[in-house]
Protein backbone atom coordinates (compact mmCIF):
# COMPACT_ATOMS: atom_id res chain seq x y z
CA MET A 1 113.73 87.64 95.62
CA THR A 2 111.79 89.21 98.47
CA ILE A 3 110.10 92.53 97.77
CA PRO A 4 111.22 95.14 100.32
CA PRO A 5 108.58 95.53 103.00
CA ALA A 6 106.22 98.46 102.85
CA GLN A 7 106.17 99.83 106.37
CA PRO A 8 102.84 100.78 107.95
CA ASP A 9 102.55 104.13 109.61
CA PRO A 10 103.83 104.12 113.22
CA SER A 11 100.48 105.01 114.72
CA PRO A 12 97.17 103.22 114.08
CA PRO A 13 94.43 105.01 112.14
CA LYS A 14 92.34 107.49 114.04
CA SER A 15 89.86 109.49 112.04
CA ARG A 16 89.02 110.31 108.46
CA SER A 17 89.67 114.01 109.04
CA ASN A 18 92.69 114.79 111.12
CA GLY A 19 92.52 118.54 110.92
CA CYS A 20 96.05 118.64 109.51
CA GLY A 21 95.19 119.06 105.87
CA ASN A 22 95.16 115.37 104.96
CA ASP A 23 92.90 115.51 101.95
CA LYS A 24 93.80 112.14 100.48
CA PRO A 25 90.60 110.32 99.58
CA VAL A 26 89.46 107.29 101.55
CA ILE A 27 88.91 104.36 99.20
CA GLY A 28 87.02 101.22 100.17
CA VAL A 29 88.27 98.06 98.46
CA THR A 30 86.22 94.85 98.45
CA MET A 31 88.20 91.62 98.30
CA GLY A 32 85.85 89.77 95.97
CA ASP A 33 85.36 86.01 96.07
CA PRO A 34 87.78 84.58 98.67
CA GLY A 35 88.53 81.64 96.39
CA GLY A 36 89.55 83.84 93.46
CA ILE A 37 92.45 86.16 92.69
CA GLY A 38 90.94 89.24 94.36
CA ALA A 39 93.15 89.08 97.46
CA GLU A 40 96.25 88.57 95.35
CA VAL A 41 95.69 91.52 93.00
CA ILE A 42 94.75 93.80 95.92
CA VAL A 43 97.91 92.90 97.86
CA LYS A 44 100.12 93.30 94.80
CA ALA A 45 98.48 96.58 93.75
CA LEU A 46 98.62 98.21 97.19
CA SER A 47 102.17 97.00 97.80
CA ASP A 48 103.18 99.62 95.22
CA PRO A 49 104.13 102.76 97.22
CA GLN A 50 103.09 104.98 94.31
CA VAL A 51 99.55 103.58 94.43
CA ARG A 52 99.35 103.80 98.23
CA ALA A 53 100.50 107.41 98.09
CA LEU A 54 97.32 108.38 96.23
CA GLY A 55 94.88 107.76 99.07
CA ARG A 56 93.89 105.98 102.25
CA PHE A 57 92.49 102.49 101.86
CA ILE A 58 90.09 100.26 103.77
CA VAL A 59 90.05 96.68 102.46
CA TYR A 60 86.83 94.82 103.26
CA GLY A 61 87.75 91.15 103.38
CA LEU A 62 89.49 88.34 105.20
CA ASP A 63 92.87 89.13 106.70
CA GLU A 64 93.95 85.48 106.61
CA ILE A 65 93.38 85.21 102.84
CA LEU A 66 95.15 88.52 102.19
CA SER A 67 98.09 87.41 104.33
CA TYR A 68 98.23 84.10 102.47
CA ALA A 69 98.34 85.95 99.13
CA ALA A 70 101.08 88.25 100.44
CA ASP A 71 103.13 85.27 101.60
CA ARG A 72 102.87 83.59 98.20
CA ALA A 73 104.00 86.83 96.53
CA GLU A 74 106.81 87.33 99.10
CA ILE A 75 105.31 90.63 100.17
CA ASN A 76 105.50 91.58 103.83
CA PRO A 77 102.11 92.76 105.15
CA PHE A 78 101.88 96.54 104.96
CA TRP A 79 98.47 96.98 106.55
CA PHE A 80 96.79 97.16 109.92
CA ARG A 81 94.20 94.52 110.72
CA VAL A 82 91.11 95.84 112.53
CA PRO A 83 87.94 93.85 113.28
CA LEU A 84 85.14 94.94 111.00
CA GLY A 85 83.00 96.43 113.76
CA GLU A 86 85.83 98.70 114.91
CA VAL A 87 86.61 100.29 111.54
CA LYS A 88 85.06 103.74 111.45
CA SER A 89 87.76 105.88 109.81
CA ILE A 90 91.38 105.88 108.74
CA GLU A 91 94.17 108.39 109.21
CA SER A 92 96.64 107.04 106.63
CA GLY A 93 97.93 103.90 104.97
CA VAL A 94 95.93 100.68 104.57
CA VAL A 95 93.53 99.01 106.99
CA VAL A 96 91.99 95.58 106.55
CA ALA A 97 88.46 95.52 107.92
CA ASP A 98 88.60 91.86 108.86
CA PHE A 99 85.36 89.90 108.82
CA ASP A 100 87.17 87.29 110.89
CA ASP A 101 85.21 84.42 109.40
CA PRO A 102 86.68 80.92 109.14
CA SER A 103 88.80 81.30 106.01
CA VAL A 104 90.87 78.11 105.87
CA PHE A 105 88.18 76.70 103.59
CA PHE A 106 88.86 79.31 100.92
CA ALA A 107 92.64 78.85 100.71
CA ASP A 108 92.27 75.64 98.66
CA CYS A 109 88.78 76.05 97.23
CA HIS A 110 88.98 77.74 93.85
CA ARG A 111 85.50 77.26 92.45
CA PRO A 112 82.06 78.86 92.80
CA THR A 113 80.57 78.23 96.24
CA ALA A 114 77.68 79.54 98.31
CA GLU A 115 80.19 80.42 101.05
CA GLY A 116 82.28 82.47 98.65
CA GLY A 117 79.17 84.21 97.39
CA GLN A 118 77.97 85.01 100.90
CA ALA A 119 81.36 86.41 101.90
CA SER A 120 81.82 88.57 98.81
CA LEU A 121 78.27 89.89 99.10
CA ARG A 122 78.98 90.96 102.68
CA PHE A 123 82.17 92.75 101.63
CA VAL A 124 80.23 94.72 99.01
CA ASP A 125 77.34 95.53 101.35
CA GLU A 126 79.70 96.96 103.97
CA ALA A 127 81.55 99.09 101.43
CA ILE A 128 78.34 100.45 99.91
CA ASP A 129 77.02 101.32 103.37
CA ALA A 130 80.26 103.13 104.19
CA ALA A 131 80.11 105.08 100.93
CA LYS A 132 76.45 106.03 101.39
CA HIS A 133 77.21 107.35 104.88
CA GLY A 134 80.27 109.29 103.76
CA ARG A 135 82.87 107.19 105.58
CA ILE A 136 84.66 106.45 102.32
CA ASP A 137 84.90 108.50 99.14
CA ALA A 138 84.80 105.71 96.55
CA VAL A 139 84.53 101.94 96.22
CA VAL A 140 86.85 99.67 94.25
CA THR A 141 85.50 96.16 93.82
CA GLY A 142 87.51 92.97 93.49
CA PRO A 143 86.26 90.19 91.22
CA ILE A 144 83.23 88.16 92.24
CA HIS A 145 81.72 85.07 90.63
CA LYS A 146 78.11 85.38 89.56
CA ILE A 147 77.42 81.70 90.17
CA SER A 148 78.71 82.07 93.74
CA TRP A 149 76.30 84.95 94.26
CA ARG A 150 73.49 82.85 92.83
CA LEU A 151 74.37 79.94 95.10
CA ALA A 152 74.27 82.41 97.99
CA GLY A 153 70.70 83.37 97.05
CA TYR A 154 71.32 86.63 95.18
CA ARG A 155 69.36 86.68 91.93
CA ARG A 156 70.62 89.82 90.24
CA PRO A 157 73.43 89.44 87.66
CA GLY A 158 76.39 91.20 89.31
CA HIS A 159 78.09 94.23 90.84
CA THR A 160 76.48 96.81 88.56
CA GLU A 161 72.96 95.78 89.49
CA LYS A 162 73.91 95.30 93.15
CA PHE A 163 75.14 98.88 93.44
CA ALA A 164 72.12 100.24 91.57
CA ASP A 165 69.72 98.40 93.87
CA ALA A 166 71.55 99.46 97.02
CA CYS A 167 71.57 103.11 95.94
CA GLY A 168 67.96 103.10 94.80
CA VAL A 169 68.95 103.95 91.23
CA GLU A 170 67.13 102.52 88.24
CA GLN A 171 69.22 103.82 85.35
CA VAL A 172 72.93 102.98 85.40
CA THR A 173 75.49 102.25 82.71
CA MET A 174 78.33 99.78 82.71
CA ALA A 175 81.42 101.44 81.28
CA PHE A 176 85.13 100.73 80.82
CA ALA A 177 88.10 103.06 80.67
CA ALA A 178 91.76 102.62 79.77
CA GLY A 179 93.58 105.86 79.02
CA ASP A 180 91.71 107.57 76.19
CA LEU A 181 89.67 104.44 75.44
CA ARG A 182 86.28 104.85 77.12
CA VAL A 183 83.38 102.56 76.26
CA ALA A 184 79.84 102.51 77.65
CA LEU A 185 77.30 99.73 77.12
CA ALA A 186 73.67 100.34 76.22
CA THR A 187 72.86 96.88 77.58
CA ALA A 188 75.03 94.81 79.90
CA HIS A 189 74.34 91.40 81.45
CA VAL A 190 71.70 90.29 78.97
CA GLY A 191 71.63 87.11 76.91
CA LEU A 192 72.18 87.84 73.24
CA PHE A 193 68.86 86.34 72.20
CA GLU A 194 67.07 88.30 74.93
CA LEU A 195 68.13 91.66 73.49
CA ALA A 196 65.13 91.84 71.18
CA GLY A 197 62.75 92.35 74.08
CA LEU A 198 64.93 94.78 76.02
CA PHE A 199 66.67 96.94 73.42
CA ASN A 200 65.00 100.35 73.17
CA ILE A 201 65.58 104.06 72.61
CA GLY A 202 65.83 104.73 76.34
CA CYS A 203 68.74 102.39 77.03
CA VAL A 204 70.73 103.79 74.11
CA PHE A 205 70.04 107.40 75.10
CA ARG A 206 70.91 106.69 78.73
CA ALA A 207 74.30 105.25 77.78
CA ILE A 208 75.10 108.20 75.52
CA ASP A 209 73.93 110.76 78.07
CA GLN A 210 75.70 109.23 81.05
CA LEU A 211 78.95 108.67 79.14
CA ALA A 212 78.95 112.23 77.77
CA TRP A 213 78.22 113.59 81.27
CA ALA A 214 81.13 111.61 82.71
CA LEU A 215 83.48 112.73 79.94
CA LYS A 216 82.63 116.34 80.74
CA HIS A 217 82.45 116.30 84.54
CA TRP A 218 84.80 113.46 85.44
CA TRP A 219 87.42 113.68 82.72
CA GLY A 220 87.16 117.44 82.22
CA ILE A 221 86.43 117.41 78.48
CA ASP A 222 84.43 120.57 77.74
CA GLU A 223 82.86 119.36 74.50
CA PRO A 224 82.98 115.56 74.48
CA ARG A 225 82.47 113.74 71.21
CA VAL A 226 80.69 110.40 71.43
CA GLY A 227 80.64 107.75 68.70
CA VAL A 228 77.77 105.26 68.67
CA ALA A 229 77.96 101.73 67.28
CA GLY A 230 75.22 100.05 65.34
CA ILE A 231 73.84 96.71 66.46
CA ASN A 232 73.56 94.95 63.11
CA PRO A 233 76.22 94.08 60.51
CA HIS A 234 77.23 97.21 58.59
CA ALA A 235 75.05 99.21 61.04
CA GLY A 236 72.01 97.81 59.26
CA GLU A 237 72.96 99.26 55.86
CA ASP A 238 69.79 101.36 55.61
CA GLY A 239 67.55 98.55 56.79
CA ARG A 240 68.92 95.72 54.64
CA PHE A 241 70.26 93.86 57.70
CA GLY A 242 67.82 94.98 60.36
CA HIS A 243 65.88 98.12 61.28
CA GLU A 244 67.13 98.71 64.85
CA GLU A 245 69.47 101.48 63.74
CA ILE A 246 66.58 103.36 62.13
CA ARG A 247 63.91 102.63 64.77
CA ILE A 248 66.00 102.80 67.96
CA ILE A 249 69.59 104.01 67.70
CA GLU A 250 69.07 107.02 65.43
CA PRO A 251 66.17 108.42 67.55
CA ALA A 252 68.32 108.02 70.68
CA ILE A 253 71.14 109.94 68.97
CA THR A 254 68.65 112.67 68.03
CA MET A 255 67.53 112.92 71.67
CA ALA A 256 71.14 113.15 72.82
CA ARG A 257 71.83 115.94 70.35
CA LEU A 258 68.75 117.78 71.58
CA ALA A 259 70.19 117.40 75.08
CA GLY A 260 73.28 119.25 73.88
CA TRP A 261 75.74 116.42 73.25
CA ASN A 262 78.01 116.04 70.23
CA VAL A 263 77.11 112.55 69.02
CA GLU A 264 77.76 110.73 65.74
CA GLY A 265 76.63 107.37 64.40
CA PRO A 266 75.52 104.70 64.22
CA PHE A 267 78.72 103.22 62.79
CA PRO A 268 79.54 99.59 61.96
CA SER A 269 81.16 98.19 65.09
CA ASP A 270 83.77 96.25 63.13
CA THR A 271 85.41 99.53 62.04
CA LEU A 272 84.48 101.92 64.85
CA PHE A 273 87.15 100.52 67.17
CA VAL A 274 89.92 100.71 64.57
CA GLU A 275 92.39 103.24 65.97
CA ARG A 276 92.06 105.93 63.31
CA HIS A 277 88.27 105.89 63.72
CA ARG A 278 87.92 105.58 67.49
CA ARG A 279 90.42 108.42 68.08
CA ARG A 280 87.89 110.81 66.56
CA PHE A 281 85.84 110.35 69.72
CA HIS A 282 86.36 110.82 73.45
CA GLY A 283 84.04 107.89 74.14
CA ILE A 284 82.14 105.13 72.36
CA VAL A 285 78.75 103.59 73.12
CA ALA A 286 78.41 99.89 72.28
CA MET A 287 75.03 98.22 72.09
CA TYR A 288 75.71 94.98 73.97
CA HIS A 289 78.26 93.38 76.29
CA ASP A 290 80.67 91.58 73.98
CA GLN A 291 80.47 94.24 71.28
CA GLY A 292 82.17 96.60 73.73
CA LEU A 293 84.18 94.18 75.85
CA ILE A 294 85.99 92.31 73.08
CA PRO A 295 87.79 95.43 71.79
CA VAL A 296 88.38 96.72 75.33
CA LYS A 297 90.07 93.51 76.40
CA LEU A 298 92.02 93.17 73.16
CA LEU A 299 93.33 96.72 73.45
CA ALA A 300 93.79 97.02 77.24
CA PHE A 301 93.35 93.69 79.00
CA ASP A 302 95.64 94.46 81.95
CA SER A 303 94.84 98.15 82.34
CA ALA A 304 91.11 98.63 81.72
CA VAL A 305 88.83 99.70 84.56
CA ASN A 306 85.17 98.84 84.94
CA LEU A 307 83.09 101.70 86.33
CA THR A 308 79.41 102.29 86.90
CA LEU A 309 77.89 105.50 85.57
CA GLY A 310 74.71 106.86 87.10
CA LEU A 311 75.37 106.12 90.76
CA PRO A 312 75.44 108.69 93.58
CA ILE A 313 78.79 107.16 94.64
CA ILE A 314 82.01 106.47 92.76
CA ARG A 315 82.54 102.81 91.96
CA THR A 316 85.40 101.35 89.91
CA SER A 317 86.46 97.75 89.48
CA VAL A 318 88.85 95.39 87.79
CA ASP A 319 87.75 94.35 84.31
CA HIS A 320 88.44 90.64 84.88
CA GLY A 321 86.91 87.79 86.81
CA THR A 322 87.92 85.51 89.66
CA ALA A 323 90.31 83.42 87.54
CA PHE A 324 89.84 80.35 89.73
CA ASP A 325 92.21 78.43 87.44
CA ILE A 326 95.23 80.45 88.61
CA ALA A 327 94.03 81.47 92.09
CA GLY A 328 96.52 80.75 94.85
CA GLN A 329 99.42 80.36 92.41
CA ASN A 330 100.85 83.90 92.49
CA LYS A 331 100.24 84.30 88.75
CA ALA A 332 97.66 87.11 88.73
CA ASP A 333 98.54 90.43 87.11
CA PRO A 334 97.51 93.41 89.30
CA GLY A 335 97.45 95.90 86.41
CA SER A 336 93.69 96.33 86.26
CA MET A 337 93.41 96.63 90.06
CA LYS A 338 96.12 99.32 90.08
CA ALA A 339 94.26 101.20 87.34
CA ALA A 340 90.95 100.89 89.24
CA LEU A 341 92.55 102.24 92.43
CA ARG A 342 94.18 105.12 90.58
CA LEU A 343 90.96 106.13 88.83
CA ALA A 344 88.95 105.94 92.06
CA CYS A 345 91.50 108.14 93.80
CA GLU A 346 91.56 110.59 90.91
CA LEU A 347 87.79 110.99 90.78
CA ALA A 348 87.44 111.19 94.56
CA ARG A 349 90.28 113.67 94.85
CA LYS A 350 88.64 115.94 92.30
CA ARG A 351 85.42 115.78 94.37
CA VAL A 352 83.65 115.28 91.06
CA PRO A 353 79.90 115.73 90.92
CA ARG A 354 77.96 112.53 91.53
CA MET A 355 75.54 111.30 88.93
CA THR A 356 71.89 110.98 89.80
CA ASP A 357 69.09 108.74 88.65
CA GLY A 358 66.97 109.44 85.60
CA ALA A 359 67.15 109.18 81.84
CA ALA A 360 68.86 112.57 81.73
CA VAL A 361 71.80 112.44 84.12
CA ARG A 362 73.10 115.63 85.71
CA ALA A 363 74.72 116.74 88.92
CA PRO A 364 72.19 117.10 91.75
CA GLN A 365 71.92 120.85 91.33
CA GLU A 366 71.38 120.68 87.58
CA THR A 367 68.26 120.01 85.57
CA LEU A 368 67.68 119.30 81.91
CA SER A 369 64.71 120.45 79.90
CA LEU A 370 64.45 118.31 76.77
CA PRO A 371 62.53 119.64 73.79
CA ALA A 372 59.71 117.37 72.78
CA VAL A 373 60.85 114.65 70.39
CA THR A 374 58.24 113.90 67.76
CA PRO A 375 57.95 111.46 64.88
CA ASP A 376 59.11 114.28 62.58
CA ASP A 377 62.37 114.48 64.55
CA CYS A 378 62.84 110.70 64.67
CA PRO A 379 61.49 108.61 61.77
CA ASP A 380 59.87 105.38 62.99
CA PHE A 381 60.09 106.66 66.56
CA VAL A 382 58.82 103.88 68.84
């Protein structure tokens, strides 16, 4: 059955501000790896009139691949195609900023490639540049493949680090949100056996501080409560199964409390995410990638949103990868992309304060004076 066509506006886009009270945010959407499911989930998500009604959208990608995905899904194109160099602003609806590269190669190539990495890197670079210069209000990223980026010559792990580098920010936090489930990671793309050399008080405090700030300023929670997971079994059980809770996590919690946040923990991670426990908190800080991502994906696989805390721009993303195994087959679920678009529009529409760099994260006009933390405040403070 053919989905009824979504009609584009009768006149092409003109300018971001039309002087007629159009305050819908402008959202930049990057297509992700052309060989993955990014084009499909973007087309499916934006074909929903309720999603499109939330903002104005510029898709940075390849029009041919998007059209191919729409054809497979029996969706009539609902966007305007404009060559990349001519896209400066948008009045309403959806515009595809077409890179106009040869894209036939990608239609049947569903694996990591240098070409796919180069293309998806360019999409991201253009969107970041537009956000930094105020042409768009937020960025929503489609899924990329880290091996493709590596084949293309990029040596950093992924989107989170790419945005941090481009914005000149050193301290950022990978976080995930799905309804009232909000999880931030103290460490992100780090090998499990590499944690020992990188896990410290600063990374735990940063995650707590940036999550609490976002809960207050982005989600409007006046007194956010943050629960913190331990890193060892049973949260170390007073040092029987490791001392990281005592040496690192507890001092970071003390610093966060001195900064004014309501923080509890560390708790064993195998019980913290049980519903009756996690609902005590507005957000949870996990210590490493899979500790946070396994419960997020079990509880909200098709609706969770990846977002980066600590940037001067708003960035949300799907919480899944390129899914090369189902790419081009019209099997991808657009739920996470819809959620990422909705959250980006919500945050941009609120004109929420942007986070800034530093261990203590505040809006640009705010400052934080931390009392000195001494060994008396934090036993085994290192």
